[in-house]
Amino acid sequence: MDRRDTHWRINKEIPVSTLVVLLTQTVSFIFFLAKQDTRLTLLEERRQDDKAAAVAIVQLPERMLRTELQVSTIAKSVERLEIKLDQQNADSAARGKR
């Protein structure tokens, strides 16, 4: 054997099939990355929606408490109006009998 045959060497010839495989892999990898980017974007949007929902859930007891207080205030106002209306009706009935 000759010494030249035992060592690695670089050849300038590249088969077409190797170029096709490399090109196919590169294009596939680019499509894969684009798909991952889209998935990541969707997940980030979903996470933002989940954060907004979580904030709304955390604020829900406070909002319910405020609503209960408002309803209680309205109920007291209605009760006072009913008392005044009953007094007016009683006064009108007493005047009508005289």
N, C-alpha and C. Protein backbone atom coordinates (compact mmCIF):
# COMPACT_ATOMS: atom_id res chain seq x y z
N MET A 1 0.82 -1.18 0.00
CA MET A 1 0.00 0.00 0.00
C MET A 1 0.86 1.25 0.00
N ASP A 2 0.32 2.18 -0.67
CA ASP A 2 1.03 3.46 -0.77
C ASP A 2 0.66 4.31 0.43
N ARG A 3 1.54 5.15 0.86
CA ARG A 3 1.30 6.02 2.02
C ARG A 3 0.14 6.97 1.77
N ARG A 4 -0.09 7.38 0.57
CA ARG A 4 -1.18 8.30 0.23
C ARG A 4 -2.55 7.66 0.43
N ASP A 5 -2.69 6.39 0.31
CA ASP A 5 -3.97 5.71 0.44
C ASP A 5 -4.40 5.53 1.89
N THR A 6 -3.55 5.64 2.83
CA THR A 6 -3.88 5.41 4.23
C THR A 6 -4.37 6.66 4.95
N HIS A 7 -4.17 7.81 4.38
CA HIS A 7 -4.56 9.05 5.04
C HIS A 7 -5.87 9.58 4.47
N TRP A 8 -6.57 10.35 5.32
CA TRP A 8 -7.79 11.02 4.85
C TRP A 8 -7.42 12.14 3.90
N ARG A 9 -8.29 12.40 2.99
CA ARG A 9 -8.05 13.50 2.08
C ARG A 9 -9.38 14.14 1.71
N ILE A 10 -9.31 15.38 1.29
CA ILE A 10 -10.49 16.14 0.89
C ILE A 10 -10.57 16.09 -0.62
N ASN A 11 -11.78 15.78 -1.07
CA ASN A 11 -12.00 15.70 -2.51
C ASN A 11 -12.95 16.81 -2.90
N LYS A 12 -12.76 17.42 -4.04
CA LYS A 12 -13.59 18.53 -4.49
C LYS A 12 -14.91 18.06 -5.05
N GLU A 13 -15.09 16.81 -5.29
CA GLU A 13 -16.31 16.29 -5.86
C GLU A 13 -17.34 16.03 -4.75
N ILE A 14 -18.55 16.55 -4.94
CA ILE A 14 -19.65 16.31 -4.00
C ILE A 14 -20.80 15.72 -4.81
N PRO A 15 -21.28 14.56 -4.41
CA PRO A 15 -22.38 13.96 -5.17
C PRO A 15 -23.65 14.81 -5.07
N VAL A 16 -24.45 14.76 -6.11
CA VAL A 16 -25.69 15.52 -6.16
C VAL A 16 -26.64 15.06 -5.05
N SER A 17 -26.65 13.78 -4.78
CA SER A 17 -27.55 13.26 -3.73
C SER A 17 -27.21 13.88 -2.37
N THR A 18 -25.96 14.11 -2.09
CA THR A 18 -25.56 14.74 -0.83
C THR A 18 -26.07 16.18 -0.78
N LEU A 19 -25.96 16.88 -1.87
CA LEU A 19 -26.48 18.25 -1.92
C LEU A 19 -27.99 18.28 -1.74
N VAL A 20 -28.68 17.34 -2.37
CA VAL A 20 -30.14 17.28 -2.24
C VAL A 20 -30.53 16.98 -0.79
N VAL A 21 -29.84 16.05 -0.15
CA VAL A 21 -30.14 15.72 1.24
C VAL A 21 -29.87 16.92 2.14
N LEU A 22 -28.77 17.59 1.98
CA LEU A 22 -28.46 18.76 2.80
C LEU A 22 -29.48 19.87 2.59
N LEU A 23 -29.87 20.11 1.36
CA LEU A 23 -30.86 21.13 1.06
C LEU A 23 -32.22 20.76 1.67
N THR A 24 -32.60 19.50 1.55
CA THR A 24 -33.86 19.04 2.13
C THR A 24 -33.86 19.18 3.65
N GLN A 25 -32.78 18.81 4.27
CA GLN A 25 -32.68 18.94 5.73
C GLN A 25 -32.74 20.41 6.15
N THR A 26 -32.08 21.27 5.42
CA THR A 26 -32.08 22.70 5.75
C THR A 26 -33.48 23.28 5.63
N VAL A 27 -34.16 22.96 4.54
CA VAL A 27 -35.53 23.47 4.35
C VAL A 27 -36.46 22.92 5.43
N SER A 28 -36.31 21.63 5.74
CA SER A 28 -37.14 21.02 6.80
C SER A 28 -36.89 21.68 8.14
N PHE A 29 -35.65 21.98 8.43
CA PHE A 29 -35.31 22.62 9.70
C PHE A 29 -35.90 24.03 9.77
N ILE A 30 -35.88 24.74 8.67
CA ILE A 30 -36.46 26.09 8.64
C ILE A 30 -37.97 26.03 8.88
N PHE A 31 -38.65 25.07 8.23
CA PHE A 31 -40.09 24.91 8.46
C PHE A 31 -40.37 24.52 9.91
N PHE A 32 -39.53 23.65 10.47
CA PHE A 32 -39.69 23.25 11.87
C PHE A 32 -39.56 24.47 12.79
N LEU A 33 -38.57 25.30 12.55
CA LEU A 33 -38.38 26.49 13.39
C LEU A 33 -39.56 27.46 13.25
N ALA A 34 -40.07 27.61 12.04
CA ALA A 34 -41.22 28.50 11.83
C ALA A 34 -42.44 27.97 12.58
N LYS A 35 -42.63 26.67 12.55
CA LYS A 35 -43.76 26.06 13.27
C LYS A 35 -43.59 26.26 14.78
N GLN A 36 -42.38 26.08 15.27
CA GLN A 36 -42.13 26.27 16.70
C GLN A 36 -42.38 27.72 17.11
N ASP A 37 -42.01 28.65 16.26
CA ASP A 37 -42.24 30.06 16.55
C ASP A 37 -43.74 30.34 16.65
N THR A 38 -44.51 29.76 15.73
CA THR A 38 -45.96 29.95 15.76
C THR A 38 -46.55 29.36 17.03
N ARG A 39 -46.10 28.16 17.39
CA ARG A 39 -46.60 27.51 18.61
C ARG A 39 -46.24 28.34 19.84
N LEU A 40 -45.03 28.86 19.87
CA LEU A 40 -44.60 29.67 21.00
C LEU A 40 -45.44 30.94 21.11
N THR A 41 -45.73 31.56 19.99
CA THR A 41 -46.55 32.77 19.98
C THR A 41 -47.95 32.46 20.53
N LEU A 42 -48.53 31.36 20.09
CA LEU A 42 -49.86 30.96 20.58
C LEU A 42 -49.83 30.69 22.08
N LEU A 43 -48.79 30.02 22.55
CA LEU A 43 -48.69 29.74 23.98
C LEU A 43 -48.53 31.03 24.79
N GLU A 44 -47.76 31.97 24.27
CA GLU A 44 -47.60 33.25 24.97
C GLU A 44 -48.91 34.00 25.04
N GLU A 45 -49.69 33.99 23.95
CA GLU A 45 -50.99 34.65 23.97
C GLU A 45 -51.93 33.97 24.96
N ARG A 46 -51.92 32.65 24.97
CA ARG A 46 -52.76 31.91 25.91
C ARG A 46 -52.35 32.21 27.35
N ARG A 47 -51.06 32.35 27.58
CA ARG A 47 -50.59 32.65 28.93
C ARG A 47 -51.07 34.03 29.37
N GLN A 48 -51.05 35.00 28.46
CA GLN A 48 -51.54 36.34 28.79
C GLN A 48 -53.03 36.29 29.12
N ASP A 49 -53.79 35.50 28.34
CA ASP A 49 -55.22 35.35 28.62
C ASP A 49 -55.44 34.71 29.98
N ASP A 50 -54.62 33.70 30.30
CA ASP A 50 -54.73 33.03 31.59
C ASP A 50 -54.40 33.97 32.74
N LYS A 51 -53.40 34.84 32.53
CA LYS A 51 -53.05 35.81 33.57
C LYS A 51 -54.21 36.77 33.81
N ALA A 52 -54.83 37.23 32.73
CA ALA A 52 -55.97 38.15 32.86
C ALA A 52 -57.12 37.47 33.59
N ALA A 53 -57.37 36.21 33.28
CA ALA A 53 -58.44 35.46 33.95
C ALA A 53 -58.10 35.27 35.43
N ALA A 54 -56.84 35.00 35.73
CA ALA A 54 -56.43 34.82 37.12
C ALA A 54 -56.61 36.11 37.92
N VAL A 55 -56.27 37.22 37.30
CA VAL A 55 -56.45 38.51 37.97
C VAL A 55 -57.94 38.76 38.24
N ALA A 56 -58.77 38.45 37.26
CA ALA A 56 -60.21 38.63 37.43
C ALA A 56 -60.74 37.73 38.54
N ILE A 57 -60.23 36.52 38.64
CA ILE A 57 -60.68 35.60 39.70
C ILE A 57 -60.23 36.09 41.06
N VAL A 58 -59.02 36.62 41.13
CA VAL A 58 -58.51 37.14 42.40
C VAL A 58 -59.35 38.34 42.85
N GLN A 59 -59.77 39.16 41.91
CA GLN A 59 -60.54 40.36 42.25
C GLN A 59 -62.02 40.05 42.49
N LEU A 60 -62.46 38.86 42.17
CA LEU A 60 -63.88 38.52 42.27
C LEU A 60 -64.43 38.66 43.69
N PRO A 61 -63.78 38.15 44.74
CA PRO A 61 -64.35 38.33 46.08
C PRO A 61 -64.51 39.80 46.48
N GLU A 62 -63.53 40.61 46.10
CA GLU A 62 -63.61 42.04 46.42
C GLU A 62 -64.79 42.68 45.69
N ARG A 63 -64.97 42.32 44.44
CA ARG A 63 -66.09 42.87 43.67
C ARG A 63 -67.42 42.40 44.24
N MET A 64 -67.48 41.13 44.68
CA MET A 64 -68.72 40.62 45.27
C MET A 64 -69.04 41.37 46.56
N LEU A 65 -68.00 41.63 47.36
CA LEU A 65 -68.21 42.36 48.61
C LEU A 65 -68.74 43.76 48.33
N ARG A 66 -68.16 44.44 47.34
CA ARG A 66 -68.65 45.78 47.00
C ARG A 66 -70.09 45.72 46.51
N THR A 67 -70.42 44.72 45.73
CA THR A 67 -71.78 44.58 45.22
C THR A 67 -72.75 44.32 46.37
N GLU A 68 -72.35 43.47 47.31
CA GLU A 68 -73.21 43.20 48.47
C GLU A 68 -73.44 44.47 49.28
N LEU A 69 -72.42 45.28 49.45
CA LEU A 69 -72.57 46.53 50.19
C LEU A 69 -73.52 47.48 49.45
N GLN A 70 -73.38 47.54 48.13
CA GLN A 70 -74.27 48.41 47.35
C GLN A 70 -75.72 47.93 47.45
N VAL A 71 -75.93 46.63 47.37
CA VAL A 71 -77.29 46.08 47.47
C VAL A 71 -77.85 46.36 48.86
N SER A 72 -77.02 46.23 49.89
CA SER A 72 -77.46 46.51 51.25
C SER A 72 -77.86 47.97 51.39
N THR A 73 -77.07 48.87 50.83
CA THR A 73 -77.38 50.30 50.87
C THR A 73 -78.68 50.60 50.14
N ILE A 74 -78.86 49.99 48.98
CA ILE A 74 -80.09 50.19 48.22
C ILE A 74 -81.29 49.66 48.99
N ALA A 75 -81.14 48.50 49.63
CA ALA A 75 -82.24 47.91 50.41
C ALA A 75 -82.64 48.83 51.56
N LYS A 76 -81.65 49.43 52.22
CA LYS A 76 -81.95 50.36 53.32
C LYS A 76 -82.68 51.59 52.79
N SER A 77 -82.24 52.08 51.62
CA SER A 77 -82.90 53.25 51.03
C SER A 77 -84.35 52.93 50.67
N VAL A 78 -84.58 51.78 50.11
CA VAL A 78 -85.94 51.36 49.75
C VAL A 78 -86.79 51.23 51.02
N GLU A 79 -86.21 50.69 52.06
CA GLU A 79 -86.96 50.55 53.33
C GLU A 79 -87.35 51.92 53.88
N ARG A 80 -86.43 52.88 53.84
CA ARG A 80 -86.75 54.23 54.31
C ARG A 80 -87.85 54.86 53.44
N LEU A 81 -87.77 54.65 52.13
CA LEU A 81 -88.80 55.18 51.24
C LEU A 81 -90.16 54.56 51.54
N GLU A 82 -90.16 53.26 51.81
CA GLU A 82 -91.43 52.60 52.14
C GLU A 82 -92.02 53.16 53.43
N ILE A 83 -91.17 53.42 54.41
CA ILE A 83 -91.65 53.99 55.67
C ILE A 83 -92.24 55.38 55.43
N LYS A 84 -91.53 56.20 54.66
CA LYS A 84 -92.04 57.55 54.36
C LYS A 84 -93.34 57.48 53.58
N LEU A 85 -93.42 56.55 52.63
CA LEU A 85 -94.64 56.40 51.83
C LEU A 85 -95.81 55.94 52.71
N ASP A 86 -95.53 55.02 53.61
CA ASP A 86 -96.58 54.57 54.54
C ASP A 86 -97.05 55.72 55.43
N GLN A 87 -96.10 56.57 55.90
CA GLN A 87 -96.47 57.72 56.72
C GLN A 87 -97.32 58.71 55.93
N GLN A 88 -96.92 58.94 54.66
CA GLN A 88 -97.70 59.86 53.83
C GLN A 88 -99.11 59.30 53.60
N ASN A 89 -99.20 58.02 53.33
CA ASN A 89 -100.51 57.40 53.13
C ASN A 89 -101.36 57.49 54.39
N ALA A 90 -100.73 57.29 55.54
CA ALA A 90 -101.48 57.37 56.80
C ALA A 90 -101.93 58.80 57.04
N ASP A 91 -101.07 59.79 56.75
CA ASP A 91 -101.44 61.20 56.93
C ASP A 91 -102.58 61.57 55.98
N SER A 92 -102.52 61.11 54.77
CA SER A 92 -103.57 61.40 53.76
C SER A 92 -104.88 60.76 54.19
N ALA A 93 -104.83 59.54 54.70
CA ALA A 93 -106.04 58.86 55.14
C ALA A 93 -106.64 59.57 56.35
N ALA A 94 -105.78 60.06 57.25
CA ALA A 94 -106.28 60.76 58.45
C ALA A 94 -106.90 62.09 58.05
N ARG A 95 -106.37 62.79 57.07
CA ARG A 95 -106.94 64.06 56.62
C ARG A 95 -108.28 63.80 55.90
N GLY A 96 -108.35 62.71 55.19
CA GLY A 96 -109.56 62.42 54.46
C GLY A 96 -110.73 62.08 55.38
N LYS A 97 -110.50 61.57 56.55
CA LYS A 97 -111.56 61.21 57.50
C LYS A 97 -112.08 62.45 58.23
N ARG A 98 -111.33 63.48 58.29
CA ARG A 98 -111.77 64.67 59.03
C ARG A 98 -112.75 65.43 58.27
